[in-house]
Amino acid sequence: MDSETSLTYLESNEGKKSIIALHVDGIIDFCEKRKNEPL
């Protein structure tokens, strides 16, 4: 995928949803790891 195609995808609704999903997955993983650590 060239940079122009990538940019078009990232600016689309589908691309935005993918970016949000990646962030949400990262936040959930972080919270799960923190939950399992002793205080």
N, C-alpha and C. Protein backbone atom coordinates (compact mmCIF):
# COMPACT_ATOMS: atom_id res chain seq x y z
N MET A 1 0.86 -1.18 0.00
CA MET A 1 0.00 0.00 0.00
C MET A 1 0.90 1.24 0.00
N ASP A 2 0.71 2.13 -0.96
CA ASP A 2 1.53 3.34 -0.99
C ASP A 2 1.00 4.38 0.00
N SER A 3 1.77 5.43 0.20
CA SER A 3 1.42 6.41 1.24
C SER A 3 0.11 7.13 0.93
N GLU A 4 -0.17 7.38 -0.33
CA GLU A 4 -1.43 8.06 -0.69
C GLU A 4 -2.63 7.17 -0.36
N THR A 5 -2.52 5.89 -0.67
CA THR A 5 -3.59 4.94 -0.35
C THR A 5 -3.75 4.82 1.16
N SER A 6 -2.63 4.76 1.87
CA SER A 6 -2.67 4.65 3.33
C SER A 6 -3.37 5.86 3.94
N LEU A 7 -3.03 7.04 3.46
CA LEU A 7 -3.63 8.27 3.99
C LEU A 7 -5.13 8.29 3.72
N THR A 8 -5.53 7.90 2.52
CA THR A 8 -6.95 7.86 2.18
C THR A 8 -7.69 6.90 3.11
N TYR A 9 -7.08 5.75 3.38
CA TYR A 9 -7.70 4.77 4.28
C TYR A 9 -7.81 5.34 5.70
N LEU A 10 -6.74 5.94 6.20
CA LEU A 10 -6.75 6.46 7.57
C LEU A 10 -7.76 7.59 7.75
N GLU A 11 -8.02 8.34 6.69
CA GLU A 11 -8.99 9.43 6.78
C GLU A 11 -10.43 8.93 6.63
N SER A 12 -10.61 7.70 6.19
CA SER A 12 -11.96 7.16 6.02
C SER A 12 -12.53 6.75 7.38
N ASN A 13 -13.85 6.57 7.42
CA ASN A 13 -14.48 6.13 8.68
C ASN A 13 -13.95 4.78 9.13
N GLU A 14 -13.73 3.88 8.17
CA GLU A 14 -13.20 2.55 8.51
C GLU A 14 -11.80 2.67 9.13
N GLY A 15 -10.98 3.53 8.56
CA GLY A 15 -9.64 3.75 9.09
C GLY A 15 -9.67 4.34 10.48
N LYS A 16 -10.55 5.32 10.70
CA LYS A 16 -10.68 5.93 12.03
C LYS A 16 -11.13 4.90 13.05
N LYS A 17 -12.06 4.03 12.67
CA LYS A 17 -12.52 2.98 13.58
C LYS A 17 -11.38 2.03 13.93
N SER A 18 -10.53 1.72 12.96
CA SER A 18 -9.39 0.84 13.20
C SER A 18 -8.41 1.46 14.19
N ILE A 19 -8.14 2.75 14.04
CA ILE A 19 -7.23 3.45 14.95
C ILE A 19 -7.80 3.45 16.36
N ILE A 20 -9.09 3.76 16.49
CA ILE A 20 -9.74 3.77 17.81
C ILE A 20 -9.69 2.38 18.43
N ALA A 21 -9.96 1.35 17.63
CA ALA A 21 -9.94 -0.03 18.14
C ALA A 21 -8.55 -0.39 18.66
N LEU A 22 -7.50 0.02 17.96
CA LEU A 22 -6.14 -0.26 18.42
C LEU A 22 -5.87 0.42 19.76
N HIS A 23 -6.30 1.67 19.90
CA HIS A 23 -6.11 2.39 21.16
C HIS A 23 -6.89 1.72 22.29
N VAL A 24 -8.12 1.35 22.03
CA VAL A 24 -8.95 0.70 23.06
C VAL A 24 -8.31 -0.62 23.49
N ASP A 25 -7.84 -1.41 22.53
CA ASP A 25 -7.18 -2.67 22.86
C ASP A 25 -5.95 -2.43 23.73
N GLY A 26 -5.18 -1.40 23.40
CA GLY A 26 -4.00 -1.07 24.19
C GLY A 26 -4.36 -0.65 25.61
N ILE A 27 -5.41 0.14 25.76
CA ILE A 27 -5.85 0.59 27.09
C ILE A 27 -6.34 -0.60 27.91
N ILE A 28 -7.10 -1.49 27.29
CA ILE A 28 -7.60 -2.68 28.00
C ILE A 28 -6.43 -3.55 28.45
N ASP A 29 -5.45 -3.77 27.56
CA ASP A 29 -4.27 -4.57 27.93
C ASP A 29 -3.54 -3.94 29.11
N PHE A 30 -3.36 -2.62 29.07
CA PHE A 30 -2.68 -1.91 30.15
C PHE A 30 -3.43 -2.08 31.47
N CYS A 31 -4.75 -1.93 31.43
CA CYS A 31 -5.56 -2.06 32.65
C CYS A 31 -5.51 -3.49 33.19
N GLU A 32 -5.55 -4.47 32.31
CA GLU A 32 -5.48 -5.87 32.74
C GLU A 32 -4.15 -6.16 33.43
N LYS A 33 -3.06 -5.64 32.88
CA LYS A 33 -1.74 -5.85 33.50
C LYS A 33 -1.66 -5.16 34.85
N ARG A 34 -2.19 -3.94 34.94
CA ARG A 34 -2.16 -3.19 36.21
C ARG A 34 -3.00 -3.89 37.27
N LYS A 35 -4.12 -4.47 36.86
CA LYS A 35 -5.03 -5.14 37.78
C LYS A 35 -4.34 -6.33 38.44
N ASN A 36 -3.45 -6.98 37.71
CA ASN A 36 -2.79 -8.18 38.21
C ASN A 36 -1.52 -7.89 39.01
N GLU A 37 -1.11 -6.62 39.08
CA GLU A 37 0.09 -6.27 39.85
C GLU A 37 -0.28 -6.01 41.30
N PRO A 38 0.59 -6.42 42.22
CA PRO A 38 0.32 -6.10 43.64
C PRO A 38 0.48 -4.60 43.88
N LEU A 39 -0.27 -4.09 44.82
CA LEU A 39 -0.19 -2.65 45.13
C LEU A 39 1.01 -2.34 45.98
